[in-house]
Amino acid sequence: MKILGIFFISVLLTSCAGGGLSTQSENAYVAGSGAAVYIKKIDRKDAPEISGMTLTTGMKTLNRNQVTVLNVWASWCAPCRAEAPVLQEFSILYPEVQFAGVLTRDNISSAKAFYENFKLTYPTFTDDALLIGFTGSLIPNAIPTTLIIDRDGKVAVRISGELTVGSLKKMLDKVIADA
């Protein structure tokens, strides 16, 4: 019984490692394979309202009637660093699409340095509790995870792990064409 209690406490502490030391967060995250899941329009579930404080612009609420790319990231995550330039470039190539990030399991000062280093221009939300609203849909299940939300405010795509130029372009073009 004592071993079970120790196990439960260690699981609880590791799952709540967000906002702590970078090494603690790095050792407690789940990496994805970069696999993309596309949901047919008829089977999509509503995305929650995405609203809250951002790293640089204060309070923000995303437009629910616009295709949205939402990337869950952390500054200590190597795949997040690798895909940041791709996301920034796509945010310029696709001006009709809104891009946003969600910071998870990180501290604000490291995140701001990441944001400035990669010259990101789209907002990043600082409270990852907004991800709870995706329960019942394609939930972000790894760091990084990228979701594409369609014009109807429904979750259309989840890319778990580091995205590639090809996978993001293919999925984004498919969701834009769904209209």
N, C-alpha and C. Protein backbone atom coordinates (compact mmCIF):
# COMPACT_ATOMS: atom_id res chain seq x y z
N MET A 1 0.82 -1.19 0.00
CA MET A 1 0.00 0.00 0.00
C MET A 1 0.87 1.25 0.00
N LYS A 2 1.96 1.23 0.78
CA LYS A 2 2.85 2.38 0.85
C LYS A 2 3.48 2.67 -0.52
N ILE A 3 3.85 1.61 -1.26
CA ILE A 3 4.45 1.78 -2.58
C ILE A 3 3.43 2.40 -3.52
N LEU A 4 2.16 1.97 -3.44
CA LEU A 4 1.11 2.53 -4.27
C LEU A 4 0.95 4.03 -3.98
N GLY A 5 1.00 4.41 -2.73
CA GLY A 5 0.89 5.83 -2.35
C GLY A 5 2.05 6.65 -2.89
N ILE A 6 3.26 6.11 -2.81
CA ILE A 6 4.44 6.81 -3.34
C ILE A 6 4.30 6.95 -4.85
N PHE A 7 3.84 5.90 -5.53
CA PHE A 7 3.64 5.95 -6.98
C PHE A 7 2.63 7.04 -7.33
N PHE A 8 1.49 7.07 -6.62
CA PHE A 8 0.45 8.05 -6.89
C PHE A 8 0.98 9.47 -6.73
N ILE A 9 1.71 9.73 -5.67
CA ILE A 9 2.27 11.06 -5.43
C ILE A 9 3.27 11.44 -6.51
N SER A 10 4.11 10.50 -6.94
CA SER A 10 5.10 10.83 -7.98
C SER A 10 4.41 11.12 -9.31
N VAL A 11 3.33 10.38 -9.64
CA VAL A 11 2.59 10.66 -10.87
C VAL A 11 1.94 12.03 -10.78
N LEU A 12 1.35 12.34 -9.66
CA LEU A 12 0.71 13.63 -9.46
C LEU A 12 1.71 14.77 -9.58
N LEU A 13 2.85 14.65 -8.96
CA LEU A 13 3.87 15.69 -9.01
C LEU A 13 4.43 15.87 -10.41
N THR A 14 4.62 14.77 -11.14
CA THR A 14 5.18 14.91 -12.49
C THR A 14 4.14 15.50 -13.43
N SER A 15 2.87 15.15 -13.26
CA SER A 15 1.90 15.71 -14.16
C SER A 15 1.63 17.18 -13.90
N CYS A 16 1.99 17.66 -12.75
CA CYS A 16 1.79 19.07 -12.44
C CYS A 16 3.09 19.84 -12.51
N ALA A 17 4.01 19.39 -13.33
CA ALA A 17 5.34 20.00 -13.38
C ALA A 17 5.37 21.31 -14.13
N GLY A 18 4.26 21.77 -14.65
CA GLY A 18 4.25 23.00 -15.44
C GLY A 18 4.71 24.19 -14.65
N GLY A 19 5.44 25.09 -15.31
CA GLY A 19 5.88 26.32 -14.70
C GLY A 19 7.06 26.16 -13.78
N GLY A 20 7.56 24.94 -13.62
CA GLY A 20 8.69 24.72 -12.73
C GLY A 20 10.00 24.87 -13.45
N LEU A 21 11.01 24.19 -12.96
CA LEU A 21 12.32 24.25 -13.58
C LEU A 21 12.28 23.64 -14.96
N SER A 22 13.06 24.17 -15.87
CA SER A 22 13.06 23.67 -17.24
C SER A 22 13.43 22.20 -17.30
N THR A 23 14.41 21.77 -16.54
CA THR A 23 14.80 20.36 -16.61
C THR A 23 13.69 19.46 -16.11
N GLN A 24 12.94 19.91 -15.14
CA GLN A 24 11.82 19.12 -14.66
C GLN A 24 10.77 19.00 -15.77
N SER A 25 10.45 20.07 -16.45
CA SER A 25 9.47 20.04 -17.52
C SER A 25 9.96 19.20 -18.68
N GLU A 26 11.22 19.33 -19.03
CA GLU A 26 11.76 18.57 -20.16
C GLU A 26 11.64 17.08 -19.92
N ASN A 27 11.83 16.64 -18.71
CA ASN A 27 11.79 15.21 -18.41
C ASN A 27 10.37 14.69 -18.24
N ALA A 28 9.37 15.56 -18.20
CA ALA A 28 8.01 15.12 -17.92
C ALA A 28 7.06 15.33 -19.09
N TYR A 29 7.56 15.57 -20.28
CA TYR A 29 6.65 15.81 -21.38
C TYR A 29 6.55 14.59 -22.29
N VAL A 30 5.49 14.57 -23.07
CA VAL A 30 5.27 13.50 -24.03
C VAL A 30 5.58 14.05 -25.41
N ALA A 31 6.44 13.38 -26.14
CA ALA A 31 6.78 13.81 -27.49
C ALA A 31 5.85 13.11 -28.46
N GLY A 32 5.45 13.83 -29.50
CA GLY A 32 4.62 13.24 -30.55
C GLY A 32 5.47 12.86 -31.74
N SER A 33 4.87 12.15 -32.67
CA SER A 33 5.59 11.66 -33.84
C SER A 33 5.47 12.58 -35.05
N GLY A 34 4.66 13.63 -34.94
CA GLY A 34 4.41 14.50 -36.08
C GLY A 34 3.25 14.02 -36.92
N ALA A 35 2.54 12.98 -36.44
CA ALA A 35 1.42 12.42 -37.18
C ALA A 35 0.25 13.40 -37.19
N ALA A 36 -0.38 13.53 -38.35
CA ALA A 36 -1.53 14.42 -38.50
C ALA A 36 -2.82 13.61 -38.54
N VAL A 37 -3.82 14.08 -37.80
CA VAL A 37 -5.15 13.48 -37.81
C VAL A 37 -6.09 14.52 -38.40
N TYR A 38 -6.76 14.15 -39.49
CA TYR A 38 -7.74 15.02 -40.14
C TYR A 38 -9.13 14.47 -39.86
N ILE A 39 -10.05 15.34 -39.47
CA ILE A 39 -11.42 14.94 -39.17
C ILE A 39 -12.33 15.46 -40.29
N LYS A 40 -13.18 14.57 -40.81
CA LYS A 40 -14.15 14.97 -41.83
C LYS A 40 -15.06 16.04 -41.24
N LYS A 41 -15.49 16.97 -42.08
CA LYS A 41 -16.28 18.11 -41.64
C LYS A 41 -17.50 17.68 -40.81
N ILE A 42 -18.16 16.65 -41.21
CA ILE A 42 -19.37 16.20 -40.53
C ILE A 42 -19.10 15.65 -39.11
N ASP A 43 -17.89 15.20 -38.86
CA ASP A 43 -17.54 14.59 -37.58
C ASP A 43 -16.81 15.52 -36.60
N ARG A 44 -16.60 16.76 -36.98
CA ARG A 44 -15.83 17.68 -36.14
C ARG A 44 -16.62 18.16 -34.92
N LYS A 45 -15.87 18.42 -33.85
CA LYS A 45 -16.44 18.93 -32.60
C LYS A 45 -16.03 20.39 -32.42
N ASP A 46 -16.86 21.13 -31.69
CA ASP A 46 -16.59 22.54 -31.44
C ASP A 46 -15.30 22.73 -30.66
N ALA A 47 -14.53 23.71 -31.05
CA ALA A 47 -13.38 24.16 -30.27
C ALA A 47 -13.91 25.12 -29.20
N PRO A 48 -13.24 25.21 -28.08
CA PRO A 48 -13.66 26.18 -27.07
C PRO A 48 -13.32 27.61 -27.53
N GLU A 49 -13.90 28.59 -26.85
CA GLU A 49 -13.48 29.96 -27.10
C GLU A 49 -12.04 30.07 -26.62
N ILE A 50 -11.20 30.67 -27.44
CA ILE A 50 -9.79 30.82 -27.07
C ILE A 50 -9.57 32.28 -26.73
N SER A 51 -9.39 32.51 -25.44
CA SER A 51 -9.33 33.87 -24.93
C SER A 51 -8.47 33.89 -23.67
N GLY A 52 -7.72 34.97 -23.50
CA GLY A 52 -6.93 35.10 -22.28
C GLY A 52 -5.76 36.05 -22.46
N MET A 53 -4.89 36.06 -21.46
CA MET A 53 -3.70 36.89 -21.49
C MET A 53 -2.67 36.29 -22.44
N THR A 54 -1.96 37.18 -23.13
CA THR A 54 -0.90 36.73 -24.03
C THR A 54 0.45 37.23 -23.53
N LEU A 55 1.49 36.68 -24.10
CA LEU A 55 2.85 37.08 -23.71
C LEU A 55 3.12 38.56 -23.97
N THR A 56 2.57 39.09 -25.04
CA THR A 56 2.99 40.43 -25.47
C THR A 56 1.87 41.44 -25.67
N THR A 57 0.63 41.00 -25.87
CA THR A 57 -0.41 41.96 -26.24
C THR A 57 -1.54 42.09 -25.24
N GLY A 58 -1.41 41.52 -24.06
CA GLY A 58 -2.49 41.60 -23.07
C GLY A 58 -3.61 40.63 -23.40
N MET A 59 -4.84 41.01 -23.08
CA MET A 59 -6.01 40.15 -23.31
C MET A 59 -6.30 40.04 -24.81
N LYS A 60 -6.67 38.84 -25.23
CA LYS A 60 -6.99 38.59 -26.64
C LYS A 60 -8.03 37.49 -26.71
N THR A 61 -8.95 37.62 -27.65
CA THR A 61 -9.92 36.57 -27.97
C THR A 61 -9.81 36.31 -29.45
N LEU A 62 -9.64 35.04 -29.81
CA LEU A 62 -9.53 34.70 -31.23
C LEU A 62 -10.90 34.70 -31.89
N ASN A 63 -10.93 35.03 -33.16
CA ASN A 63 -12.14 35.06 -33.97
C ASN A 63 -12.57 33.62 -34.25
N ARG A 64 -13.80 33.28 -33.88
CA ARG A 64 -14.29 31.91 -34.09
C ARG A 64 -14.70 31.65 -35.54
N ASN A 65 -14.81 32.66 -36.38
CA ASN A 65 -15.25 32.50 -37.77
C ASN A 65 -14.09 32.59 -38.74
N GLN A 66 -12.92 32.22 -38.30
CA GLN A 66 -11.73 32.30 -39.14
C GLN A 66 -10.91 31.03 -38.92
N VAL A 67 -10.34 30.50 -40.00
CA VAL A 67 -9.46 29.35 -39.85
C VAL A 67 -8.33 29.75 -38.91
N THR A 68 -8.03 28.86 -37.96
CA THR A 68 -7.04 29.15 -36.92
C THR A 68 -6.04 28.02 -36.81
N VAL A 69 -4.77 28.38 -36.71
CA VAL A 69 -3.71 27.43 -36.38
C VAL A 69 -3.28 27.74 -34.96
N LEU A 70 -3.44 26.75 -34.08
CA LEU A 70 -3.13 26.92 -32.67
C LEU A 70 -2.02 25.94 -32.30
N ASN A 71 -0.86 26.49 -31.90
CA ASN A 71 0.31 25.68 -31.60
C ASN A 71 0.61 25.69 -30.11
N VAL A 72 0.69 24.50 -29.51
CA VAL A 72 1.02 24.36 -28.08
C VAL A 72 2.52 24.13 -27.99
N TRP A 73 3.23 24.99 -27.24
CA TRP A 73 4.69 24.93 -27.22
C TRP A 73 5.26 25.29 -25.85
N ALA A 74 6.56 25.04 -25.72
CA ALA A 74 7.33 25.45 -24.54
C ALA A 74 8.74 25.79 -25.01
N SER A 75 9.38 26.72 -24.35
CA SER A 75 10.71 27.18 -24.79
C SER A 75 11.78 26.11 -24.68
N TRP A 76 11.63 25.16 -23.74
CA TRP A 76 12.63 24.13 -23.51
C TRP A 76 12.48 22.95 -24.47
N CYS A 77 11.45 22.95 -25.28
CA CYS A 77 11.11 21.83 -26.16
C CYS A 77 11.85 21.96 -27.49
N ALA A 78 12.77 21.02 -27.77
CA ALA A 78 13.57 21.07 -29.00
C ALA A 78 12.70 21.04 -30.26
N PRO A 79 11.69 20.18 -30.37
CA PRO A 79 10.84 20.22 -31.57
C PRO A 79 10.10 21.56 -31.72
N CYS A 80 9.77 22.20 -30.60
CA CYS A 80 9.10 23.51 -30.66
C CYS A 80 10.04 24.55 -31.27
N ARG A 81 11.32 24.48 -30.89
CA ARG A 81 12.30 25.40 -31.46
C ARG A 81 12.48 25.14 -32.95
N ALA A 82 12.43 23.87 -33.35
CA ALA A 82 12.61 23.53 -34.76
C ALA A 82 11.44 24.00 -35.61
N GLU A 83 10.22 23.95 -35.07
CA GLU A 83 9.06 24.31 -35.89
C GLU A 83 8.66 25.78 -35.80
N ALA A 84 9.20 26.53 -34.85
CA ALA A 84 8.83 27.94 -34.69
C ALA A 84 9.04 28.76 -35.97
N PRO A 85 10.17 28.63 -36.68
CA PRO A 85 10.33 29.40 -37.92
C PRO A 85 9.31 29.01 -39.00
N VAL A 86 8.91 27.74 -39.03
CA VAL A 86 7.91 27.29 -40.01
C VAL A 86 6.57 27.96 -39.71
N LEU A 87 6.16 27.94 -38.45
CA LEU A 87 4.89 28.57 -38.07
C LEU A 87 4.90 30.07 -38.36
N GLN A 88 6.01 30.73 -38.04
CA GLN A 88 6.10 32.17 -38.30
C GLN A 88 5.99 32.45 -39.80
N GLU A 89 6.68 31.67 -40.61
CA GLU A 89 6.63 31.86 -42.07
C GLU A 89 5.21 31.63 -42.60
N PHE A 90 4.54 30.58 -42.12
CA PHE A 90 3.17 30.30 -42.56
C PHE A 90 2.22 31.41 -42.13
N SER A 91 2.47 32.02 -40.96
CA SER A 91 1.59 33.10 -40.51
C SER A 91 1.67 34.30 -41.46
N ILE A 92 2.77 34.42 -42.16
CA ILE A 92 2.93 35.49 -43.16
C ILE A 92 2.36 35.04 -44.51
N LEU A 93 2.61 33.78 -44.90
CA LEU A 93 2.13 33.24 -46.18
C LEU A 93 0.61 33.09 -46.23
N TYR A 94 -0.03 32.93 -45.09
CA TYR A 94 -1.47 32.73 -45.01
C TYR A 94 -2.10 33.85 -44.18
N PRO A 95 -2.17 35.08 -44.71
CA PRO A 95 -2.71 36.18 -43.91
C PRO A 95 -4.20 36.04 -43.58
N GLU A 96 -4.91 35.19 -44.32
CA GLU A 96 -6.34 34.97 -44.05
C GLU A 96 -6.57 34.02 -42.88
N VAL A 97 -5.51 33.41 -42.38
CA VAL A 97 -5.59 32.46 -41.27
C VAL A 97 -5.02 33.13 -40.02
N GLN A 98 -5.69 32.95 -38.89
CA GLN A 98 -5.12 33.47 -37.64
C GLN A 98 -4.27 32.39 -36.98
N PHE A 99 -3.10 32.80 -36.55
CA PHE A 99 -2.16 31.91 -35.87
C PHE A 99 -2.06 32.35 -34.42
N ALA A 100 -1.92 31.39 -33.53
CA ALA A 100 -1.74 31.70 -32.12
C ALA A 100 -1.00 30.54 -31.47
N GLY A 101 -0.34 30.83 -30.37
CA GLY A 101 0.33 29.81 -29.59
C GLY A 101 -0.30 29.69 -28.22
N VAL A 102 -0.03 28.57 -27.58
CA VAL A 102 -0.42 28.37 -26.18
C VAL A 102 0.83 27.87 -25.47
N LEU A 103 1.28 28.64 -24.54
CA LEU A 103 2.45 28.28 -23.74
C LEU A 103 2.04 27.23 -22.72
N THR A 104 2.86 26.18 -22.58
CA THR A 104 2.54 25.16 -21.60
C THR A 104 3.80 24.74 -20.85
N ARG A 105 3.65 24.53 -19.57
CA ARG A 105 4.72 23.99 -18.72
C ARG A 105 6.03 24.75 -18.85
N ASP A 106 5.94 26.05 -18.77
CA ASP A 106 7.11 26.90 -18.99
C ASP A 106 7.00 28.13 -18.10
N ASN A 107 8.06 28.91 -18.03
CA ASN A 107 7.98 30.17 -17.30
C ASN A 107 7.98 31.32 -18.30
N ILE A 108 7.42 32.42 -17.87
CA ILE A 108 7.18 33.57 -18.75
C ILE A 108 8.48 34.17 -19.29
N SER A 109 9.51 34.29 -18.48
CA SER A 109 10.74 34.92 -18.96
C SER A 109 11.41 34.07 -20.05
N SER A 110 11.44 32.76 -19.90
CA SER A 110 12.00 31.89 -20.94
C SER A 110 11.15 31.95 -22.20
N ALA A 111 9.84 31.98 -22.01
CA ALA A 111 8.93 32.04 -23.16
C ALA A 111 9.09 33.35 -23.93
N LYS A 112 9.25 34.47 -23.21
CA LYS A 112 9.45 35.75 -23.90
C LYS A 112 10.76 35.75 -24.69
N ALA A 113 11.80 35.16 -24.13
CA ALA A 113 13.08 35.07 -24.85
C ALA A 113 12.92 34.22 -26.12
N PHE A 114 12.21 33.11 -26.02
CA PHE A 114 11.91 32.26 -27.18
C PHE A 114 11.17 33.06 -28.24
N TYR A 115 10.12 33.75 -27.80
CA TYR A 115 9.25 34.54 -28.67
C TYR A 115 10.07 35.60 -29.43
N GLU A 116 10.94 36.29 -28.72
CA GLU A 116 11.78 37.32 -29.34
C GLU A 116 12.86 36.70 -30.22
N ASN A 117 13.47 35.62 -29.78
CA ASN A 117 14.52 34.96 -30.55
C ASN A 117 14.01 34.51 -31.92
N PHE A 118 12.80 33.96 -31.96
CA PHE A 118 12.24 33.47 -33.22
C PHE A 118 11.41 34.53 -33.93
N LYS A 119 11.38 35.75 -33.39
CA LYS A 119 10.68 36.87 -34.01
C LYS A 119 9.23 36.54 -34.35
N LEU A 120 8.56 35.89 -33.40
CA LEU A 120 7.17 35.52 -33.61
C LEU A 120 6.29 36.76 -33.59
N THR A 121 5.32 36.80 -34.48
CA THR A 121 4.44 37.96 -34.55
C THR A 121 3.00 37.64 -34.17
N TYR A 122 2.67 36.37 -34.05
CA TYR A 122 1.32 36.00 -33.65
C TYR A 122 1.27 35.86 -32.12
N PRO A 123 0.08 36.03 -31.53
CA PRO A 123 -0.03 36.00 -30.07
C PRO A 123 0.18 34.60 -29.49
N THR A 124 0.67 34.56 -28.26
CA THR A 124 0.78 33.31 -27.51
C THR A 124 0.06 33.49 -26.18
N PHE A 125 -0.90 32.61 -25.92
CA PHE A 125 -1.64 32.64 -24.66
C PHE A 125 -0.79 32.01 -23.56
N THR A 126 -0.85 32.60 -22.38
CA THR A 126 0.03 32.15 -21.29
C THR A 126 -0.63 31.16 -20.34
N ASP A 127 -1.93 30.95 -20.45
CA ASP A 127 -2.63 30.04 -19.54
C ASP A 127 -3.05 28.79 -20.31
N ASP A 128 -2.33 27.69 -20.09
CA ASP A 128 -2.65 26.47 -20.82
C ASP A 128 -3.93 25.79 -20.31
N ALA A 129 -4.58 26.36 -19.30
CA ALA A 129 -5.85 25.81 -18.83
C ALA A 129 -6.91 25.89 -19.93
N LEU A 130 -6.74 26.77 -20.89
CA LEU A 130 -7.72 26.86 -21.98
C LEU A 130 -7.74 25.58 -22.83
N LEU A 131 -6.71 24.76 -22.72
CA LEU A 131 -6.66 23.50 -23.46
C LEU A 131 -7.68 22.48 -22.94
N ILE A 132 -8.12 22.66 -21.71
CA ILE A 132 -9.12 21.76 -21.12
C ILE A 132 -10.39 21.77 -21.96
N GLY A 133 -10.69 22.90 -22.58
CA GLY A 133 -11.89 23.03 -23.40
C GLY A 133 -11.91 22.13 -24.62
N PHE A 134 -10.77 21.53 -24.96
CA PHE A 134 -10.72 20.64 -26.13
C PHE A 134 -11.10 19.21 -25.78
N THR A 135 -11.41 18.94 -24.53
CA THR A 135 -11.83 17.60 -24.12
C THR A 135 -13.07 17.22 -24.92
N GLY A 136 -13.09 16.00 -25.45
CA GLY A 136 -14.21 15.55 -26.27
C GLY A 136 -13.96 15.77 -27.75
N SER A 137 -12.85 16.40 -28.06
CA SER A 137 -12.46 16.66 -29.44
C SER A 137 -11.04 16.10 -29.61
N LEU A 138 -10.30 16.66 -30.54
CA LEU A 138 -8.89 16.29 -30.69
C LEU A 138 -8.10 17.11 -29.68
N ILE A 139 -7.79 16.53 -28.55
CA ILE A 139 -7.08 17.28 -27.52
C ILE A 139 -5.58 17.34 -27.84
N PRO A 140 -4.93 18.44 -27.48
CA PRO A 140 -3.48 18.48 -27.60
C PRO A 140 -2.90 17.39 -26.70
N ASN A 141 -2.12 16.47 -27.27
CA ASN A 141 -1.67 15.32 -26.51
C ASN A 141 -0.16 15.17 -26.44
N ALA A 142 0.56 16.18 -26.89
CA ALA A 142 2.02 16.13 -26.87
C ALA A 142 2.52 17.57 -26.90
N ILE A 143 3.79 17.73 -26.65
CA ILE A 143 4.43 19.04 -26.81
C ILE A 143 5.50 18.86 -27.88
N PRO A 144 5.38 19.53 -28.99
CA PRO A 144 4.32 20.44 -29.42
C PRO A 144 3.12 19.68 -30.00
N THR A 145 2.00 20.36 -30.05
CA THR A 145 0.82 19.93 -30.78
C THR A 145 0.31 21.14 -31.53
N THR A 146 -0.11 20.93 -32.76
CA THR A 146 -0.71 22.00 -33.55
C THR A 146 -2.11 21.58 -33.95
N LEU A 147 -3.07 22.44 -33.65
CA LEU A 147 -4.46 22.21 -34.03
C LEU A 147 -4.84 23.19 -35.13
N ILE A 148 -5.66 22.73 -36.06
CA ILE A 148 -6.24 23.62 -37.06
C ILE A 148 -7.75 23.60 -36.83
N ILE A 149 -8.29 24.78 -36.63
CA ILE A 149 -9.72 24.96 -36.37
C ILE A 149 -10.33 25.58 -37.62
N ASP A 150 -11.47 25.04 -38.07
CA ASP A 150 -12.07 25.53 -39.31
C ASP A 150 -12.87 26.82 -39.09
N ARG A 151 -13.44 27.35 -40.17
CA ARG A 151 -14.21 28.61 -40.12
C ARG A 151 -15.47 28.51 -39.27
N ASP A 152 -15.91 27.28 -39.01
CA ASP A 152 -17.10 27.08 -38.19
C ASP A 152 -16.77 26.91 -36.72
N GLY A 153 -15.48 27.09 -36.36
CA GLY A 153 -15.07 26.96 -34.97
C GLY A 153 -14.97 25.52 -34.51
N LYS A 154 -14.72 24.61 -35.45
CA LYS A 154 -14.62 23.18 -35.12
C LYS A 154 -13.19 22.69 -35.37
N VAL A 155 -12.75 21.77 -34.52
CA VAL A 155 -11.39 21.24 -34.63
C VAL A 155 -11.33 20.29 -35.82
N ALA A 156 -10.47 20.60 -36.79
CA ALA A 156 -10.37 19.83 -38.03
C ALA A 156 -9.12 18.95 -38.08
N VAL A 157 -8.02 19.41 -37.47
CA VAL A 157 -6.73 18.72 -37.59
C VAL A 157 -5.97 18.80 -36.28
N ARG A 158 -5.25 17.72 -35.98
CA ARG A 158 -4.27 17.74 -34.89
C ARG A 158 -2.97 17.14 -35.43
N ILE A 159 -1.88 17.88 -35.27
CA ILE A 159 -0.56 17.36 -35.59
C ILE A 159 0.17 17.22 -34.26
N SER A 160 0.42 15.98 -33.86
CA SER A 160 1.06 15.70 -32.57
C SER A 160 2.55 15.57 -32.78
N GLY A 161 3.32 16.48 -32.18
CA GLY A 161 4.76 16.48 -32.36
C GLY A 161 5.16 17.52 -33.38
N GLU A 162 6.43 17.51 -33.73
CA GLU A 162 6.96 18.52 -34.64
C GLU A 162 6.31 18.41 -36.01
N LEU A 163 5.78 19.53 -36.48
CA LEU A 163 5.18 19.55 -37.80
C LEU A 163 6.24 19.78 -38.86
N THR A 164 5.90 19.46 -40.08
CA THR A 164 6.79 19.73 -41.21
C THR A 164 6.10 20.74 -42.11
N VAL A 165 6.86 21.36 -42.98
CA VAL A 165 6.29 22.30 -43.95
C VAL A 165 5.21 21.58 -44.76
N GLY A 166 5.54 20.38 -45.23
CA GLY A 166 4.60 19.62 -46.06
C GLY A 166 3.31 19.26 -45.34
N SER A 167 3.42 18.79 -44.10
CA SER A 167 2.21 18.38 -43.38
C SER A 167 1.34 19.59 -43.04
N LEU A 168 1.96 20.68 -42.63
CA LEU A 168 1.17 21.88 -42.30
C LEU A 168 0.49 22.43 -43.55
N LYS A 169 1.21 22.53 -44.64
CA LYS A 169 0.62 23.05 -45.89
C LYS A 169 -0.52 22.17 -46.37
N LYS A 170 -0.32 20.87 -46.39
CA LYS A 170 -1.35 19.94 -46.85
C LYS A 170 -2.62 20.06 -46.00
N MET A 171 -2.46 20.04 -44.68
CA MET A 171 -3.63 20.09 -43.79
C MET A 171 -4.31 21.46 -43.80
N LEU A 172 -3.52 22.51 -43.82
CA LEU A 172 -4.08 23.86 -43.83
C LEU A 172 -4.85 24.11 -45.13
N ASP A 173 -4.26 23.74 -46.25
CA ASP A 173 -4.95 23.91 -47.54
C ASP A 173 -6.24 23.09 -47.59
N LYS A 174 -6.22 21.91 -47.01
CA LYS A 174 -7.41 21.04 -46.99
C LYS A 174 -8.52 21.68 -46.17
N VAL A 175 -8.20 22.25 -45.01
CA VAL A 175 -9.20 22.89 -44.16
C VAL A 175 -9.73 24.16 -44.82
N ILE A 176 -8.85 24.95 -45.44
CA ILE A 176 -9.29 26.17 -46.13
C ILE A 176 -10.25 25.81 -47.27
N ALA A 177 -9.97 24.73 -47.99
CA ALA A 177 -10.81 24.31 -49.12
C ALA A 177 -12.15 23.72 -48.67
N ASP A 178 -12.26 23.33 -47.40
CA ASP A 178 -13.50 22.72 -46.88
C ASP A 178 -14.71 23.64 -46.91
N ALA A 179 -14.51 24.90 -47.01
CA ALA A 179 -15.60 25.89 -46.85
C ALA A 179 -16.80 25.67 -47.69
